[in-house]
Amino acid sequence: MEFLKTYLDYMVLGTLGLMSFIMLAFAVERYVYFWRVRLAHFPHIELLKVALTRNLTAISSIGSNAPYVGLLGTVLGILVTFHEMGQGGKIDVNTIMLGLAMALKATAAGLFVAIPAILFYNGLLRKVDVLTSRWAAMQDGHA
């Protein structure tokens, strides 16, 4: 239990920080790729879709799972707080509230990572739709 008490914040916030870094790196990479992609180089629409959607699954997975990582941190933080209450024998309201507030920051951090990830994912997915539509128009001779 001492291990959790000492390292819980580092583990949860470190994991969320890593998830955020990966998400941002993939989002920037995709935007740069979309800006530079040459649609005429793709002979088939399925090959284009494969190239355009690369790394989008990772961004979506981070957006979907970051709140759960934060929630896990919150649950473990509350567990540590209750364990300390049970060990001490005294119930101090200030200590309880401080422990719960510290635990809830993990959920907030998870949402802080998830919301931009989902926004990036949706924006990138829209760009994939636009680029595939442009490719189809080029094939019909309307571009």
N, C-alpha and C. Protein backbone atom coordinates (compact mmCIF):
# COMPACT_ATOMS: atom_id res chain seq x y z
N MET A 1 0.83 -1.19 0.00
CA MET A 1 0.00 0.00 0.00
C MET A 1 0.88 1.26 0.00
N GLU A 2 2.03 1.17 0.65
CA GLU A 2 2.95 2.32 0.66
C GLU A 2 3.44 2.64 -0.75
N PHE A 3 3.66 1.60 -1.55
CA PHE A 3 4.09 1.81 -2.93
C PHE A 3 3.06 2.64 -3.70
N LEU A 4 1.79 2.25 -3.56
CA LEU A 4 0.71 2.99 -4.22
C LEU A 4 0.64 4.43 -3.73
N LYS A 5 0.74 4.59 -2.43
CA LYS A 5 0.67 5.93 -1.86
C LYS A 5 1.79 6.82 -2.41
N THR A 6 2.97 6.25 -2.55
CA THR A 6 4.13 7.03 -2.98
C THR A 6 4.13 7.29 -4.48
N TYR A 7 3.77 6.30 -5.28
CA TYR A 7 3.98 6.38 -6.72
C TYR A 7 2.73 6.46 -7.57
N LEU A 8 1.55 6.47 -6.97
CA LEU A 8 0.31 6.47 -7.75
C LEU A 8 0.22 7.66 -8.69
N ASP A 9 0.46 8.84 -8.20
CA ASP A 9 0.38 10.03 -9.06
C ASP A 9 1.36 9.94 -10.22
N TYR A 10 2.58 9.50 -9.95
CA TYR A 10 3.58 9.39 -11.00
C TYR A 10 3.16 8.38 -12.06
N MET A 11 2.60 7.27 -11.61
CA MET A 11 2.19 6.23 -12.55
C MET A 11 1.04 6.69 -13.43
N VAL A 12 0.00 7.23 -12.81
CA VAL A 12 -1.19 7.63 -13.57
C VAL A 12 -0.90 8.84 -14.44
N LEU A 13 -0.34 9.88 -13.85
CA LEU A 13 -0.07 11.09 -14.63
C LEU A 13 1.03 10.84 -15.66
N GLY A 14 1.98 9.98 -15.36
CA GLY A 14 3.00 9.62 -16.34
C GLY A 14 2.40 8.87 -17.51
N THR A 15 1.52 7.93 -17.23
CA THR A 15 0.85 7.19 -18.30
C THR A 15 0.01 8.12 -19.16
N LEU A 16 -0.74 9.01 -18.53
CA LEU A 16 -1.56 9.97 -19.28
C LEU A 16 -0.69 10.94 -20.07
N GLY A 17 0.44 11.33 -19.50
CA GLY A 17 1.36 12.20 -20.23
C GLY A 17 1.92 11.51 -21.46
N LEU A 18 2.29 10.25 -21.32
CA LEU A 18 2.78 9.48 -22.47
C LEU A 18 1.69 9.33 -23.53
N MET A 19 0.47 9.03 -23.09
CA MET A 19 -0.64 8.91 -24.03
C MET A 19 -0.86 10.23 -24.77
N SER A 20 -0.79 11.33 -24.04
CA SER A 20 -0.98 12.64 -24.65
C SER A 20 0.12 12.94 -25.68
N PHE A 21 1.36 12.62 -25.33
CA PHE A 21 2.48 12.85 -26.25
C PHE A 21 2.31 12.03 -27.52
N ILE A 22 1.95 10.77 -27.39
CA ILE A 22 1.74 9.90 -28.55
C ILE A 22 0.61 10.43 -29.41
N MET A 23 -0.48 10.81 -28.78
CA MET A 23 -1.63 11.33 -29.52
C MET A 23 -1.26 12.58 -30.30
N LEU A 24 -0.57 13.50 -29.66
CA LEU A 24 -0.17 14.74 -30.34
C LEU A 24 0.81 14.46 -31.48
N ALA A 25 1.75 13.56 -31.26
CA ALA A 25 2.71 13.23 -32.31
C ALA A 25 2.01 12.62 -33.52
N PHE A 26 1.08 11.70 -33.29
CA PHE A 26 0.35 11.09 -34.40
C PHE A 26 -0.56 12.10 -35.09
N ALA A 27 -1.19 12.98 -34.34
CA ALA A 27 -2.07 13.98 -34.94
C ALA A 27 -1.28 14.94 -35.83
N VAL A 28 -0.16 15.41 -35.34
CA VAL A 28 0.67 16.32 -36.14
C VAL A 28 1.18 15.59 -37.38
N GLU A 29 1.64 14.35 -37.21
CA GLU A 29 2.11 13.57 -38.36
C GLU A 29 1.02 13.42 -39.41
N ARG A 30 -0.20 13.15 -38.98
CA ARG A 30 -1.30 12.98 -39.94
C ARG A 30 -1.60 14.30 -40.66
N TYR A 31 -1.65 15.41 -39.93
CA TYR A 31 -1.93 16.69 -40.58
C TYR A 31 -0.85 17.03 -41.61
N VAL A 32 0.39 16.77 -41.29
CA VAL A 32 1.49 17.03 -42.24
C VAL A 32 1.34 16.10 -43.45
N TYR A 33 1.03 14.84 -43.19
CA TYR A 33 0.86 13.89 -44.29
C TYR A 33 -0.30 14.32 -45.20
N PHE A 34 -1.41 14.71 -44.62
CA PHE A 34 -2.57 15.13 -45.42
C PHE A 34 -2.24 16.35 -46.27
N TRP A 35 -1.42 17.22 -45.73
CA TRP A 35 -1.03 18.43 -46.45
C TRP A 35 -0.15 18.08 -47.66
N ARG A 36 0.67 17.02 -47.51
CA ARG A 36 1.63 16.67 -48.56
C ARG A 36 1.18 15.55 -49.48
N VAL A 37 0.12 14.85 -49.16
CA VAL A 37 -0.27 13.67 -49.93
C VAL A 37 -0.60 14.05 -51.38
N ARG A 38 -0.18 13.19 -52.31
CA ARG A 38 -0.48 13.36 -53.73
C ARG A 38 -1.48 12.27 -54.11
N LEU A 39 -2.72 12.67 -54.26
CA LEU A 39 -3.79 11.72 -54.51
C LEU A 39 -3.59 10.95 -55.80
N ALA A 40 -2.97 11.56 -56.79
CA ALA A 40 -2.78 10.92 -58.09
C ALA A 40 -1.85 9.71 -58.01
N HIS A 41 -1.07 9.58 -56.95
CA HIS A 41 -0.15 8.46 -56.82
C HIS A 41 -0.82 7.17 -56.35
N PHE A 42 -2.10 7.23 -56.07
CA PHE A 42 -2.81 6.05 -55.57
C PHE A 42 -3.71 5.48 -56.67
N PRO A 43 -3.41 4.26 -57.13
CA PRO A 43 -4.19 3.69 -58.22
C PRO A 43 -5.57 3.15 -57.78
N HIS A 44 -5.72 2.89 -56.48
CA HIS A 44 -6.98 2.31 -55.99
C HIS A 44 -7.39 3.01 -54.70
N ILE A 45 -8.69 3.21 -54.54
CA ILE A 45 -9.19 3.95 -53.38
C ILE A 45 -8.88 3.25 -52.06
N GLU A 46 -8.85 1.93 -52.06
CA GLU A 46 -8.57 1.20 -50.81
C GLU A 46 -7.12 1.44 -50.36
N LEU A 47 -6.20 1.53 -51.31
CA LEU A 47 -4.82 1.85 -50.96
C LEU A 47 -4.72 3.26 -50.38
N LEU A 48 -5.50 4.16 -50.95
CA LEU A 48 -5.55 5.53 -50.42
C LEU A 48 -6.09 5.55 -49.00
N LYS A 49 -7.18 4.82 -48.77
CA LYS A 49 -7.77 4.78 -47.42
C LYS A 49 -6.81 4.20 -46.39
N VAL A 50 -6.07 3.17 -46.78
CA VAL A 50 -5.09 2.58 -45.86
C VAL A 50 -4.04 3.62 -45.49
N ALA A 51 -3.55 4.35 -46.49
CA ALA A 51 -2.52 5.36 -46.23
C ALA A 51 -3.06 6.52 -45.39
N LEU A 52 -4.29 6.92 -45.66
CA LEU A 52 -4.85 8.08 -44.95
C LEU A 52 -5.23 7.78 -43.51
N THR A 53 -5.62 6.56 -43.23
CA THR A 53 -6.12 6.24 -41.89
C THR A 53 -5.04 5.69 -40.96
N ARG A 54 -3.80 5.62 -41.44
CA ARG A 54 -2.70 5.15 -40.59
C ARG A 54 -2.62 6.01 -39.33
N ASN A 55 -2.47 5.41 -38.20
CA ASN A 55 -2.33 6.03 -36.86
C ASN A 55 -3.63 6.61 -36.30
N LEU A 56 -4.71 6.58 -37.06
CA LEU A 56 -5.97 7.10 -36.51
C LEU A 56 -6.53 6.19 -35.42
N THR A 57 -6.28 4.89 -35.52
CA THR A 57 -6.74 3.96 -34.49
C THR A 57 -6.08 4.27 -33.15
N ALA A 58 -4.80 4.60 -33.18
CA ALA A 58 -4.10 4.92 -31.94
C ALA A 58 -4.68 6.18 -31.30
N ILE A 59 -4.96 7.20 -32.12
CA ILE A 59 -5.54 8.44 -31.59
C ILE A 59 -6.91 8.16 -30.98
N SER A 60 -7.71 7.37 -31.69
CA SER A 60 -9.04 7.02 -31.18
C SER A 60 -8.95 6.20 -29.89
N SER A 61 -8.02 5.26 -29.85
CA SER A 61 -7.87 4.42 -28.65
C SER A 61 -7.44 5.25 -27.45
N ILE A 62 -6.56 6.20 -27.67
CA ILE A 62 -6.14 7.08 -26.57
C ILE A 62 -7.33 7.91 -26.09
N GLY A 63 -8.10 8.44 -27.02
CA GLY A 63 -9.28 9.22 -26.63
C GLY A 63 -10.30 8.40 -25.87
N SER A 64 -10.41 7.13 -26.25
CA SER A 64 -11.40 6.26 -25.59
C SER A 64 -10.93 5.77 -24.23
N ASN A 65 -9.62 5.57 -24.08
CA ASN A 65 -9.12 4.92 -22.86
C ASN A 65 -8.52 5.86 -21.83
N ALA A 66 -8.19 7.08 -22.19
CA ALA A 66 -7.62 8.02 -21.21
C ALA A 66 -8.55 8.25 -20.01
N PRO A 67 -9.87 8.37 -20.21
CA PRO A 67 -10.73 8.53 -19.02
C PRO A 67 -10.68 7.32 -18.09
N TYR A 68 -10.49 6.13 -18.66
CA TYR A 68 -10.41 4.93 -17.82
C TYR A 68 -9.11 4.89 -17.02
N VAL A 69 -8.03 5.35 -17.62
CA VAL A 69 -6.76 5.43 -16.88
C VAL A 69 -6.92 6.42 -15.73
N GLY A 70 -7.56 7.56 -16.01
CA GLY A 70 -7.82 8.54 -14.95
C GLY A 70 -8.73 7.98 -13.87
N LEU A 71 -9.76 7.25 -14.29
CA LEU A 71 -10.68 6.65 -13.32
C LEU A 71 -9.97 5.61 -12.46
N LEU A 72 -9.09 4.83 -13.07
CA LEU A 72 -8.31 3.86 -12.29
C LEU A 72 -7.47 4.58 -11.23
N GLY A 73 -6.86 5.69 -11.62
CA GLY A 73 -6.08 6.48 -10.66
C GLY A 73 -6.95 7.00 -9.53
N THR A 74 -8.16 7.43 -9.87
CA THR A 74 -9.08 7.92 -8.84
C THR A 74 -9.49 6.81 -7.88
N VAL A 75 -9.84 5.67 -8.43
CA VAL A 75 -10.26 4.54 -7.58
C VAL A 75 -9.11 4.11 -6.66
N LEU A 76 -7.91 4.02 -7.22
CA LEU A 76 -6.77 3.63 -6.38
C LEU A 76 -6.45 4.70 -5.34
N GLY A 77 -6.60 5.97 -5.71
CA GLY A 77 -6.38 7.06 -4.74
C GLY A 77 -7.38 7.01 -3.61
N ILE A 78 -8.63 6.73 -3.92
CA ILE A 78 -9.66 6.60 -2.88
C ILE A 78 -9.36 5.37 -2.01
N LEU A 79 -8.92 4.29 -2.64
CA LEU A 79 -8.55 3.09 -1.89
C LEU A 79 -7.44 3.40 -0.89
N VAL A 80 -6.43 4.13 -1.32
CA VAL A 80 -5.32 4.50 -0.43
C VAL A 80 -5.84 5.38 0.71
N THR A 81 -6.71 6.34 0.38
CA THR A 81 -7.27 7.23 1.41
C THR A 81 -8.05 6.45 2.46
N PHE A 82 -8.90 5.52 2.01
CA PHE A 82 -9.67 4.73 2.95
C PHE A 82 -8.78 3.79 3.76
N HIS A 83 -7.75 3.26 3.14
CA HIS A 83 -6.83 2.39 3.86
C HIS A 83 -6.13 3.16 4.98
N GLU A 84 -5.69 4.38 4.67
CA GLU A 84 -5.04 5.20 5.69
C GLU A 84 -6.01 5.56 6.81
N MET A 85 -7.26 5.81 6.46
CA MET A 85 -8.27 6.11 7.49
C MET A 85 -8.43 4.92 8.43
N GLY A 86 -8.46 3.71 7.82
CA GLY A 86 -8.62 2.51 8.63
C GLY A 86 -7.41 2.21 9.50
N GLN A 87 -6.25 2.56 9.05
CA GLN A 87 -5.03 2.31 9.81
C GLN A 87 -4.85 3.29 10.96
N GLY A 88 -5.27 4.53 10.74
CA GLY A 88 -5.03 5.57 11.74
C GLY A 88 -5.96 5.51 12.93
N GLY A 89 -7.13 4.99 12.75
CA GLY A 89 -8.06 4.90 13.86
C GLY A 89 -8.84 6.19 14.12
N LYS A 90 -8.40 7.30 13.54
CA LYS A 90 -9.14 8.55 13.72
C LYS A 90 -9.62 9.02 12.35
N ILE A 91 -10.75 9.69 12.37
CA ILE A 91 -11.32 10.18 11.13
C ILE A 91 -11.24 11.70 11.15
N ASP A 92 -10.32 12.22 10.36
CA ASP A 92 -10.13 13.66 10.23
C ASP A 92 -10.72 14.08 8.87
N VAL A 93 -11.73 14.92 8.92
CA VAL A 93 -12.43 15.32 7.70
C VAL A 93 -11.48 16.01 6.72
N ASN A 94 -10.59 16.84 7.20
CA ASN A 94 -9.65 17.53 6.31
C ASN A 94 -8.75 16.54 5.57
N THR A 95 -8.28 15.54 6.25
CA THR A 95 -7.42 14.53 5.62
C THR A 95 -8.20 13.75 4.57
N ILE A 96 -9.44 13.40 4.89
CA ILE A 96 -10.27 12.66 3.94
C ILE A 96 -10.51 13.50 2.69
N MET A 97 -10.90 14.74 2.87
CA MET A 97 -11.19 15.61 1.72
C MET A 97 -9.95 15.85 0.87
N LEU A 98 -8.81 16.02 1.51
CA LEU A 98 -7.57 16.21 0.76
C LEU A 98 -7.24 14.96 -0.05
N GLY A 99 -7.38 13.80 0.55
CA GLY A 99 -7.13 12.54 -0.16
C GLY A 99 -8.06 12.35 -1.33
N LEU A 100 -9.34 12.66 -1.14
CA LEU A 100 -10.32 12.51 -2.24
C LEU A 100 -10.07 13.52 -3.35
N ALA A 101 -9.73 14.74 -2.98
CA ALA A 101 -9.43 15.76 -3.99
C ALA A 101 -8.22 15.37 -4.82
N MET A 102 -7.20 14.85 -4.15
CA MET A 102 -6.00 14.41 -4.88
C MET A 102 -6.34 13.24 -5.80
N ALA A 103 -7.22 12.36 -5.36
CA ALA A 103 -7.61 11.22 -6.19
C ALA A 103 -8.39 11.67 -7.43
N LEU A 104 -9.23 12.66 -7.28
CA LEU A 104 -10.06 13.12 -8.40
C LEU A 104 -9.26 13.82 -9.48
N LYS A 105 -8.07 14.28 -9.17
CA LYS A 105 -7.27 14.94 -10.20
C LYS A 105 -6.90 13.96 -11.30
N ALA A 106 -6.83 12.68 -11.00
CA ALA A 106 -6.53 11.68 -12.02
C ALA A 106 -7.65 11.61 -13.06
N THR A 107 -8.90 11.68 -12.61
CA THR A 107 -10.02 11.69 -13.56
C THR A 107 -9.98 12.94 -14.42
N ALA A 108 -9.70 14.07 -13.81
CA ALA A 108 -9.61 15.32 -14.57
C ALA A 108 -8.50 15.23 -15.61
N ALA A 109 -7.37 14.66 -15.24
CA ALA A 109 -6.26 14.52 -16.18
C ALA A 109 -6.62 13.59 -17.33
N GLY A 110 -7.35 12.54 -17.02
CA GLY A 110 -7.80 11.62 -18.07
C GLY A 110 -8.71 12.30 -19.07
N LEU A 111 -9.61 13.13 -18.58
CA LEU A 111 -10.49 13.88 -19.48
C LEU A 111 -9.72 14.93 -20.26
N PHE A 112 -8.71 15.51 -19.63
CA PHE A 112 -7.87 16.51 -20.28
C PHE A 112 -7.11 15.91 -21.47
N VAL A 113 -6.80 14.64 -21.41
CA VAL A 113 -6.15 13.95 -22.52
C VAL A 113 -7.19 13.48 -23.54
N ALA A 114 -8.32 12.98 -23.07
CA ALA A 114 -9.31 12.36 -23.96
C ALA A 114 -10.02 13.36 -24.87
N ILE A 115 -10.39 14.50 -24.34
CA ILE A 115 -11.18 15.45 -25.13
C ILE A 115 -10.43 15.93 -26.37
N PRO A 116 -9.19 16.40 -26.25
CA PRO A 116 -8.48 16.79 -27.48
C PRO A 116 -8.24 15.61 -28.43
N ALA A 117 -8.00 14.41 -27.87
CA ALA A 117 -7.77 13.24 -28.73
C ALA A 117 -8.99 12.96 -29.60
N ILE A 118 -10.17 13.03 -29.02
CA ILE A 118 -11.39 12.78 -29.79
C ILE A 118 -11.62 13.90 -30.80
N LEU A 119 -11.32 15.15 -30.42
CA LEU A 119 -11.45 16.26 -31.36
C LEU A 119 -10.49 16.09 -32.54
N PHE A 120 -9.24 15.74 -32.27
CA PHE A 120 -8.29 15.48 -33.34
C PHE A 120 -8.76 14.32 -34.22
N TYR A 121 -9.20 13.24 -33.60
CA TYR A 121 -9.65 12.07 -34.35
C TYR A 121 -10.79 12.44 -35.30
N ASN A 122 -11.79 13.14 -34.78
CA ASN A 122 -12.92 13.51 -35.63
C ASN A 122 -12.51 14.45 -36.76
N GLY A 123 -11.64 15.40 -36.47
CA GLY A 123 -11.15 16.31 -37.51
C GLY A 123 -10.36 15.57 -38.57
N LEU A 124 -9.52 14.65 -38.15
CA LEU A 124 -8.72 13.88 -39.10
C LEU A 124 -9.59 12.94 -39.93
N LEU A 125 -10.60 12.36 -39.31
CA LEU A 125 -11.52 11.49 -40.04
C LEU A 125 -12.28 12.27 -41.10
N ARG A 126 -12.66 13.48 -40.78
CA ARG A 126 -13.32 14.34 -41.77
C ARG A 126 -12.38 14.63 -42.94
N LYS A 127 -11.11 14.87 -42.64
CA LYS A 127 -10.12 15.14 -43.70
C LYS A 127 -9.94 13.91 -44.58
N VAL A 128 -9.98 12.71 -44.00
CA VAL A 128 -9.90 11.48 -44.77
C VAL A 128 -11.07 11.42 -45.75
N ASP A 129 -12.27 11.74 -45.28
CA ASP A 129 -13.45 11.74 -46.15
C ASP A 129 -13.30 12.74 -47.30
N VAL A 130 -12.79 13.92 -47.00
CA VAL A 130 -12.60 14.94 -48.03
C VAL A 130 -11.58 14.47 -49.06
N LEU A 131 -10.48 13.92 -48.60
CA LEU A 131 -9.43 13.48 -49.54
C LEU A 131 -9.88 12.30 -50.39
N THR A 132 -10.62 11.37 -49.82
CA THR A 132 -11.12 10.25 -50.62
C THR A 132 -12.16 10.72 -51.63
N SER A 133 -12.95 11.70 -51.28
CA SER A 133 -13.92 12.27 -52.23
C SER A 133 -13.20 13.00 -53.36
N ARG A 134 -12.13 13.71 -53.04
CA ARG A 134 -11.34 14.37 -54.09
C ARG A 134 -10.71 13.33 -55.02
N TRP A 135 -10.22 12.24 -54.45
CA TRP A 135 -9.65 11.18 -55.27
C TRP A 135 -10.70 10.62 -56.22
N ALA A 136 -11.90 10.36 -55.69
CA ALA A 136 -12.98 9.82 -56.54
C ALA A 136 -13.34 10.81 -57.64
N ALA A 137 -13.38 12.10 -57.33
CA ALA A 137 -13.68 13.11 -58.34
C ALA A 137 -12.59 13.14 -59.41
N MET A 138 -11.33 12.97 -59.01
CA MET A 138 -10.23 12.92 -59.99
C MET A 138 -10.38 11.74 -60.93
N GLN A 139 -10.82 10.62 -60.39
CA GLN A 139 -11.00 9.42 -61.22
C GLN A 139 -12.10 9.61 -62.24
N ASP A 140 -13.10 10.40 -61.90
CA ASP A 140 -14.21 10.68 -62.82
C ASP A 140 -13.89 11.81 -63.79
N GLY A 141 -12.72 12.43 -63.60
CA GLY A 141 -12.30 13.52 -64.47
C GLY A 141 -12.90 14.85 -64.10
N HIS A 142 -13.34 15.02 -62.85
CA HIS A 142 -13.97 16.27 -62.40
C HIS A 142 -13.07 17.11 -61.51
N ALA A 143 -11.83 16.75 -61.37
CA ALA A 143 -10.98 17.51 -60.45
C ALA A 143 -10.26 18.64 -61.13
